[in-house]
Amino acid sequence: MAEYVYPAVFHANEDGSFTITYPDLPGCITEGKNMANAVHMAQSALSQWIEYLADNKMEIPSATAMASIKTAPDEFANLICAVVRDQRAVRRTVSIPKWMDDMASDAGLSLSRILQDALTERLHAGR
């Protein structure tokens, strides 16, 4: 798991929504219906952009210092933090009783999905 912090520029639109861009990540742009949604969308866009760069073995640029970010009168800059998790699947050997495996198979359950869901809940780790 890696954390990335980048300055984002929030442009206030006339309808109360926001358009968000990242000076260090050309092409990374998103929108939010209101401030709370805009921050959420900014985090999501940043996470997906960094994941894309990492997955394609592209350079992840350094973040510009906030002091050097220029904004227009209807804009402001804010730092956005994104947590990027390695989503690659790994194989693990687990043991369960035969009767449990039979029942899970009969029910058409995915043991991988059940284990992921249970671990997410136990670790309090959102996806």
C-alpha atoms as a PDB file:
ATOM      1  CA  MET A   1       0.000   0.000   0.000  1.00  0.00           C
ATOM      2  CA  ALA A   2       1.360   3.412  -0.942  1.00  0.00           C
ATOM      3  CA  GLU A   3       0.121   6.898  -0.216  1.00  0.00           C
ATOM      4  CA  TYR A   4       0.385   9.752  -2.692  1.00  0.00           C
ATOM      5  CA  VAL A   5      -0.345  13.408  -2.026  1.00  0.00           C
ATOM      6  CA  TYR A   6      -0.795  15.840  -4.905  1.00  0.00           C
ATOM      7  CA  PRO A   7      -2.101  19.372  -5.187  1.00  0.00           C
ATOM      8  CA  ALA A   8      -5.413  19.569  -7.010  1.00  0.00           C
ATOM      9  CA  VAL A   9      -7.023  22.681  -8.458  1.00  0.00           C
ATOM     10  CA  PHE A  10     -10.749  22.988  -7.762  1.00  0.00           C
ATOM     11  CA  HIS A  11     -12.603  25.204 -10.212  1.00  0.00           C
ATOM     12  CA  ALA A  12     -15.982  26.397  -8.915  1.00  0.00           C
ATOM     13  CA  ASN A  13     -18.661  26.118 -11.594  1.00  0.00           C
ATOM     14  CA  GLU A  14     -21.744  28.354 -11.764  1.00  0.00           C
ATOM     15  CA  ASP A  15     -24.076  25.479 -10.829  1.00  0.00           C
ATOM     16  CA  GLY A  16     -22.254  24.798  -7.541  1.00  0.00           C
ATOM     17  CA  SER A  17     -20.284  21.856  -8.910  1.00  0.00           C
ATOM     18  CA  PHE A  18     -16.503  21.660  -9.115  1.00  0.00           C
ATOM     19  CA  THR A  19     -14.088  20.607 -11.838  1.00  0.00           C
ATOM     20  CA  ILE A  20     -10.846  19.200 -10.448  1.00  0.00           C
ATOM     21  CA  THR A  21      -7.516  18.989 -12.262  1.00  0.00           C
ATOM     22  CA  TYR A  22      -4.020  17.982 -11.220  1.00  0.00           C
ATOM     23  CA  PRO A  23      -1.171  20.211 -12.479  1.00  0.00           C
ATOM     24  CA  ASP A  24       1.288  17.300 -12.163  1.00  0.00           C
ATOM     25  CA  LEU A  25      -0.953  14.784 -13.940  1.00  0.00           C
ATOM     26  CA  PRO A  26      -2.017  16.211 -17.317  1.00  0.00           C
ATOM     27  CA  GLY A  27      -5.306  14.684 -18.395  1.00  0.00           C
ATOM     28  CA  CYS A  28      -6.354  13.677 -14.883  1.00  0.00           C
ATOM     29  CA  ILE A  29      -9.636  15.522 -14.481  1.00  0.00           C
ATOM     30  CA  THR A  30     -12.859  14.858 -12.615  1.00  0.00           C
ATOM     31  CA  GLU A  31     -15.947  16.644 -11.378  1.00  0.00           C
ATOM     32  CA  GLY A  32     -18.007  16.750  -8.224  1.00  0.00           C
ATOM     33  CA  LYS A  33     -21.599  17.853  -7.670  1.00  0.00           C
ATOM     34  CA  ASN A  34     -20.715  19.612  -4.402  1.00  0.00           C
ATOM     35  CA  MET A  35     -17.642  20.035  -2.191  1.00  0.00           C
ATOM     36  CA  ALA A  36     -17.913  16.676  -0.415  1.00  0.00           C
ATOM     37  CA  ASN A  37     -18.492  14.849  -3.694  1.00  0.00           C
ATOM     38  CA  ALA A  38     -15.675  16.800  -5.357  1.00  0.00           C
ATOM     39  CA  VAL A  39     -13.146  15.745  -2.703  1.00  0.00           C
ATOM     40  CA  HIS A  40     -14.300  12.124  -2.995  1.00  0.00           C
ATOM     41  CA  MET A  41     -14.053  12.249  -6.792  1.00  0.00           C
ATOM     42  CA  ALA A  42     -10.627  13.915  -6.568  1.00  0.00           C
ATOM     43  CA  GLN A  43      -9.324  11.078  -4.377  1.00  0.00           C
ATOM     44  CA  SER A  44     -10.824   8.460  -6.667  1.00  0.00           C
ATOM     45  CA  ALA A  45      -9.388  10.040  -9.817  1.00  0.00           C
ATOM     46  CA  LEU A  46      -5.944  10.379  -8.228  1.00  0.00           C
ATOM     47  CA  SER A  47      -5.949   6.755  -7.062  1.00  0.00           C
ATOM     48  CA  GLN A  48      -7.009   5.441 -10.461  1.00  0.00           C
ATOM     49  CA  TRP A  49      -4.477   7.615 -12.286  1.00  0.00           C
ATOM     50  CA  ILE A  50      -1.575   6.457 -10.097  1.00  0.00           C
ATOM     51  CA  GLU A  51      -2.709   2.815 -10.385  1.00  0.00           C
ATOM     52  CA  TYR A  52      -2.778   3.171 -14.182  1.00  0.00           C
ATOM     53  CA  LEU A  53       0.745   4.626 -14.239  1.00  0.00           C
ATOM     54  CA  ALA A  54       2.057   1.885 -11.944  1.00  0.00           C
ATOM     55  CA  ASP A  55       0.294  -0.937 -13.827  1.00  0.00           C
ATOM     56  CA  ASN A  56       1.789   0.290 -17.108  1.00  0.00           C
ATOM     57  CA  LYS A  57       5.236   0.779 -15.571  1.00  0.00           C
ATOM     58  CA  MET A  58       5.128   4.490 -16.319  1.00  0.00           C
ATOM     59  CA  GLU A  59       6.916   7.110 -14.242  1.00  0.00           C
ATOM     60  CA  ILE A  60       4.905   8.539 -11.373  1.00  0.00           C
ATOM     61  CA  PRO A  61       5.782  12.246 -11.302  1.00  0.00           C
ATOM     62  CA  SER A  62       6.759  14.131  -8.184  1.00  0.00           C
ATOM     63  CA  ALA A  63       4.191  16.456  -6.685  1.00  0.00           C
ATOM     64  CA  THR A  64       4.596  20.190  -7.140  1.00  0.00           C
ATOM     65  CA  ALA A  65       4.871  22.297  -3.981  1.00  0.00           C
ATOM     66  CA  MET A  66       1.578  23.938  -3.055  1.00  0.00           C
ATOM     67  CA  ALA A  67       3.240  27.370  -2.944  1.00  0.00           C
ATOM     68  CA  SER A  68       3.907  27.238  -6.672  1.00  0.00           C
ATOM     69  CA  ILE A  69       0.323  26.429  -7.689  1.00  0.00           C
ATOM     70  CA  LYS A  70      -1.359  29.386  -9.415  1.00  0.00           C
ATOM     71  CA  THR A  71      -5.138  29.650  -9.316  1.00  0.00           C
ATOM     72  CA  ALA A  72      -7.753  31.926 -10.887  1.00  0.00           C
ATOM     73  CA  PRO A  73     -10.262  33.896  -8.764  1.00  0.00           C
ATOM     74  CA  ASP A  74     -12.860  31.097  -9.044  1.00  0.00           C
ATOM     75  CA  GLU A  75     -10.335  28.384  -8.132  1.00  0.00           C
ATOM     76  CA  PHE A  76      -8.461  27.115  -5.110  1.00  0.00           C
ATOM     77  CA  ALA A  77      -5.783  24.485  -4.608  1.00  0.00           C
ATOM     78  CA  ASN A  78      -6.018  21.703  -2.067  1.00  0.00           C
ATOM     79  CA  LEU A  79      -3.875  18.688  -1.259  1.00  0.00           C
ATOM     80  CA  ILE A  80      -5.465  15.352  -2.080  1.00  0.00           C
ATOM     81  CA  CYS A  81      -4.242  12.093  -0.585  1.00  0.00           C
ATOM     82  CA  ALA A  82      -4.821   8.782  -2.306  1.00  0.00           C
ATOM     83  CA  VAL A  83      -4.015   5.338  -0.984  1.00  0.00           C
ATOM     84  CA  VAL A  84      -3.069   2.949  -3.764  1.00  0.00           C
ATOM     85  CA  ARG A  85      -3.277  -0.733  -3.024  1.00  0.00           C
ATOM     86  CA  ASP A  86      -1.673  -3.472  -5.058  1.00  0.00           C
ATOM     87  CA  GLN A  87      -4.728  -5.236  -6.505  1.00  0.00           C
ATOM     88  CA  ARG A  88      -2.845  -8.141  -8.037  1.00  0.00           C
ATOM     89  CA  ALA A  89      -4.223 -11.525  -7.052  1.00  0.00           C
ATOM     90  CA  VAL A  90      -1.995 -13.822  -5.048  1.00  0.00           C
ATOM     91  CA  ARG A  91      -2.462 -17.535  -4.505  1.00  0.00           C
ATOM     92  CA  ARG A  92      -2.698 -18.799  -0.947  1.00  0.00           C
ATOM     93  CA  THR A  93      -3.281 -22.320   0.239  1.00  0.00           C
ATOM     94  CA  VAL A  94      -6.049 -22.587   2.799  1.00  0.00           C
ATOM     95  CA  SER A  95      -7.610 -25.601   4.445  1.00  0.00           C
ATOM     96  CA  ILE A  96     -11.271 -26.085   5.210  1.00  0.00           C
ATOM     97  CA  PRO A  97     -13.221 -29.210   6.206  1.00  0.00           C
ATOM     98  CA  LYS A  98     -14.418 -31.368   3.303  1.00  0.00           C
ATOM     99  CA  TRP A  99     -18.086 -30.988   4.287  1.00  0.00           C
ATOM    100  CA  MET A 100     -17.708 -27.195   4.153  1.00  0.00           C
ATOM    101  CA  ASP A 101     -16.077 -27.349   0.712  1.00  0.00           C
ATOM    102  CA  ASP A 102     -18.874 -29.622  -0.536  1.00  0.00           C
ATOM    103  CA  MET A 103     -21.577 -27.278   0.780  1.00  0.00           C
ATOM    104  CA  ALA A 104     -19.866 -24.219  -0.705  1.00  0.00           C
ATOM    105  CA  SER A 105     -19.542 -25.948  -4.085  1.00  0.00           C
ATOM    106  CA  ASP A 106     -23.195 -27.061  -4.013  1.00  0.00           C
ATOM    107  CA  ALA A 107     -24.243 -23.486  -3.222  1.00  0.00           C
ATOM    108  CA  GLY A 108     -22.107 -22.129  -6.081  1.00  0.00           C
ATOM    109  CA  LEU A 109     -20.083 -19.964  -3.723  1.00  0.00           C
ATOM    110  CA  SER A 110     -16.681 -18.528  -4.563  1.00  0.00           C
ATOM    111  CA  LEU A 111     -14.337 -19.255  -1.676  1.00  0.00           C
ATOM    112  CA  SER A 112     -11.975 -16.547  -2.920  1.00  0.00           C
ATOM    113  CA  ARG A 113     -14.755 -13.938  -2.831  1.00  0.00           C
ATOM    114  CA  ILE A 114     -15.934 -15.058   0.622  1.00  0.00           C
ATOM    115  CA  LEU A 115     -12.394 -14.894   1.993  1.00  0.00           C
ATOM    116  CA  GLN A 116     -11.823 -11.442   0.477  1.00  0.00           C
ATOM    117  CA  ASP A 117     -15.098 -10.140   1.905  1.00  0.00           C
ATOM    118  CA  ALA A 118     -14.390 -11.614   5.338  1.00  0.00           C
ATOM    119  CA  LEU A 119     -10.858 -10.208   5.439  1.00  0.00           C
ATOM    120  CA  THR A 120     -12.049  -6.791   4.286  1.00  0.00           C
ATOM    121  CA  GLU A 121     -14.593  -6.741   7.097  1.00  0.00           C
ATOM    122  CA  ARG A 122     -12.169  -8.092   9.711  1.00  0.00           C
ATOM    123  CA  LEU A 123      -9.397  -5.674   8.720  1.00  0.00           C
ATOM    124  CA  HIS A 124     -11.823  -2.762   8.315  1.00  0.00           C
ATOM    125  CA  ALA A 125     -10.249  -2.148   4.937  1.00  0.00           C
ATOM    126  CA  GLY A 126     -12.439  -0.438   2.370  1.00  0.00           C
ATOM    127  CA  ARG A 127     -11.824  -1.265  -1.233  1.00  0.00           C
END
